[in-house]
Amino acid sequence: MNLSFKDNSYGFRPGRNAHQAIKKARQYINRGYTWVVDIDLEKYFDTVNHDKL
């Protein structure tokens, strides 16, 4: 169960792939959306206090 993921999240999720993400992006474009937010969390966890994890 993926309770912590939004339905439009495709990265690193079982049963989801890039082709599905592209299909969803096309649906958003067809609805009139004109922008995308792309977030790279690669360095984020370097700043997390690991003692609190």
N, C-alpha and C. Protein backbone atom coordinates (compact mmCIF):
# COMPACT_ATOMS: atom_id res chain seq x y z
N MET A 1 0.85 -1.18 0.00
CA MET A 1 0.00 0.00 0.00
C MET A 1 0.89 1.24 0.00
N ASN A 2 0.61 2.19 -0.86
CA ASN A 2 1.42 3.41 -0.98
C ASN A 2 0.69 4.61 -0.40
N LEU A 3 0.49 4.62 0.89
CA LEU A 3 -0.26 5.71 1.52
C LEU A 3 0.48 7.04 1.48
N SER A 4 1.80 7.00 1.39
CA SER A 4 2.56 8.25 1.44
C SER A 4 2.84 8.85 0.06
N PHE A 5 2.40 8.19 -1.01
CA PHE A 5 2.62 8.70 -2.35
C PHE A 5 1.33 9.26 -2.94
N LYS A 6 1.45 10.33 -3.69
CA LYS A 6 0.32 10.87 -4.42
C LYS A 6 0.09 10.03 -5.67
N ASP A 7 -1.14 10.06 -6.19
CA ASP A 7 -1.49 9.25 -7.35
C ASP A 7 -0.68 9.64 -8.58
N ASN A 8 -0.21 10.88 -8.64
CA ASN A 8 0.55 11.31 -9.82
C ASN A 8 2.06 11.17 -9.64
N SER A 9 2.48 10.34 -8.68
CA SER A 9 3.89 10.07 -8.45
C SER A 9 4.26 8.75 -9.15
N TYR A 10 5.29 8.79 -9.98
CA TYR A 10 5.67 7.62 -10.76
C TYR A 10 7.07 7.11 -10.49
N GLY A 11 7.93 7.91 -9.90
CA GLY A 11 9.32 7.51 -9.70
C GLY A 11 9.49 6.47 -8.61
N PHE A 12 10.22 5.41 -8.93
CA PHE A 12 10.59 4.37 -7.96
C PHE A 12 9.38 3.74 -7.28
N ARG A 13 8.31 3.52 -8.05
CA ARG A 13 7.12 2.88 -7.50
C ARG A 13 6.84 1.59 -8.24
N PRO A 14 6.60 0.51 -7.51
CA PRO A 14 6.28 -0.77 -8.17
C PRO A 14 5.03 -0.63 -9.04
N GLY A 15 5.08 -1.18 -10.24
CA GLY A 15 3.93 -1.14 -11.12
C GLY A 15 3.77 0.17 -11.88
N ARG A 16 4.70 1.09 -11.70
CA ARG A 16 4.65 2.38 -12.41
C ARG A 16 5.90 2.50 -13.26
N ASN A 17 5.77 3.21 -14.39
CA ASN A 17 6.93 3.35 -15.27
C ASN A 17 6.89 4.67 -16.01
N ALA A 18 7.95 4.93 -16.75
CA ALA A 18 8.09 6.21 -17.46
C ALA A 18 7.00 6.39 -18.51
N HIS A 19 6.59 5.32 -19.16
CA HIS A 19 5.54 5.43 -20.18
C HIS A 19 4.21 5.89 -19.57
N GLN A 20 3.91 5.41 -18.39
CA GLN A 20 2.70 5.85 -17.70
C GLN A 20 2.80 7.31 -17.30
N ALA A 21 3.98 7.73 -16.88
CA ALA A 21 4.19 9.14 -16.51
C ALA A 21 4.01 10.05 -17.72
N ILE A 22 4.52 9.62 -18.87
CA ILE A 22 4.35 10.42 -20.09
C ILE A 22 2.88 10.51 -20.48
N LYS A 23 2.17 9.40 -20.37
CA LYS A 23 0.73 9.41 -20.68
C LYS A 23 -0.01 10.39 -19.77
N LYS A 24 0.32 10.38 -18.49
CA LYS A 24 -0.31 11.29 -17.54
C LYS A 24 0.06 12.74 -17.86
N ALA A 25 1.30 12.99 -18.23
CA ALA A 25 1.72 14.34 -18.60
C ALA A 25 0.93 14.84 -19.80
N ARG A 26 0.72 13.97 -20.78
CA ARG A 26 -0.07 14.36 -21.95
C ARG A 26 -1.51 14.69 -21.56
N GLN A 27 -2.06 13.96 -20.62
CA GLN A 27 -3.42 14.25 -20.15
C GLN A 27 -3.46 15.64 -19.51
N TYR A 28 -2.46 15.97 -18.72
CA TYR A 28 -2.41 17.30 -18.10
C TYR A 28 -2.28 18.39 -19.16
N ILE A 29 -1.44 18.16 -20.17
CA ILE A 29 -1.28 19.14 -21.25
C ILE A 29 -2.61 19.35 -21.96
N ASN A 30 -3.31 18.26 -22.24
CA ASN A 30 -4.61 18.36 -22.92
C ASN A 30 -5.65 19.09 -22.08
N ARG A 31 -5.48 19.09 -20.78
CA ARG A 31 -6.39 19.82 -19.88
C ARG A 31 -6.02 21.30 -19.76
N GLY A 32 -4.91 21.69 -20.36
CA GLY A 32 -4.53 23.10 -20.34
C GLY A 32 -3.40 23.46 -19.40
N TYR A 33 -2.86 22.49 -18.68
CA TYR A 33 -1.72 22.79 -17.81
C TYR A 33 -0.53 23.18 -18.67
N THR A 34 0.24 24.17 -18.22
CA THR A 34 1.35 24.66 -19.03
C THR A 34 2.69 24.64 -18.30
N TRP A 35 2.76 24.09 -17.10
CA TRP A 35 4.03 24.06 -16.38
C TRP A 35 4.18 22.74 -15.63
N VAL A 36 5.43 22.44 -15.27
CA VAL A 36 5.78 21.21 -14.57
C VAL A 36 6.73 21.55 -13.44
N VAL A 37 6.60 20.87 -12.32
CA VAL A 37 7.55 20.99 -11.22
C VAL A 37 8.32 19.69 -11.14
N ASP A 38 9.63 19.77 -11.24
CA ASP A 38 10.51 18.60 -11.16
C ASP A 38 11.42 18.81 -9.96
N ILE A 39 11.34 17.91 -9.01
CA ILE A 39 12.13 18.04 -7.79
C ILE A 39 13.11 16.88 -7.70
N ASP A 40 14.37 17.19 -7.47
CA ASP A 40 15.41 16.18 -7.32
C ASP A 40 15.83 16.16 -5.85
N LEU A 41 15.52 15.09 -5.17
CA LEU A 41 15.81 14.99 -3.74
C LEU A 41 17.15 14.33 -3.43
N GLU A 42 17.99 14.17 -4.43
CA GLU A 42 19.23 13.43 -4.26
C GLU A 42 20.06 13.92 -3.07
N LYS A 43 20.23 15.21 -2.92
CA LYS A 43 21.08 15.76 -1.85
C LYS A 43 20.29 16.11 -0.59
N TYR A 44 18.97 16.01 -0.64
CA TYR A 44 18.15 16.39 0.51
C TYR A 44 18.52 15.59 1.75
N PHE A 45 18.67 14.29 1.61
CA PHE A 45 18.87 13.45 2.78
C PHE A 45 20.24 13.64 3.42
N ASP A 46 21.14 14.32 2.73
CA ASP A 46 22.42 14.68 3.34
C ASP A 46 22.23 15.72 4.44
N THR A 47 21.11 16.45 4.40
CA THR A 47 20.86 17.51 5.37
C THR A 47 19.95 17.08 6.52
N VAL A 48 19.43 15.87 6.46
CA VAL A 48 18.51 15.37 7.49
C VAL A 48 19.32 14.92 8.71
N ASN A 49 18.82 15.26 9.89
CA ASN A 49 19.46 14.81 11.12
C ASN A 49 19.22 13.31 11.28
N HIS A 50 20.25 12.51 11.05
CA HIS A 50 20.10 11.06 11.06
C HIS A 50 19.87 10.51 12.47
N ASP A 51 20.24 11.26 13.50
CA ASP A 51 19.96 10.82 14.87
C ASP A 51 18.46 10.78 15.13
N LYS A 52 17.70 11.67 14.48
CA LYS A 52 16.26 11.72 14.68
C LYS A 52 15.51 10.68 13.83
N LEU A 53 16.20 10.12 12.85
CA LEU A 53 15.57 9.08 12.05
C LEU A 53 15.50 7.81 12.86
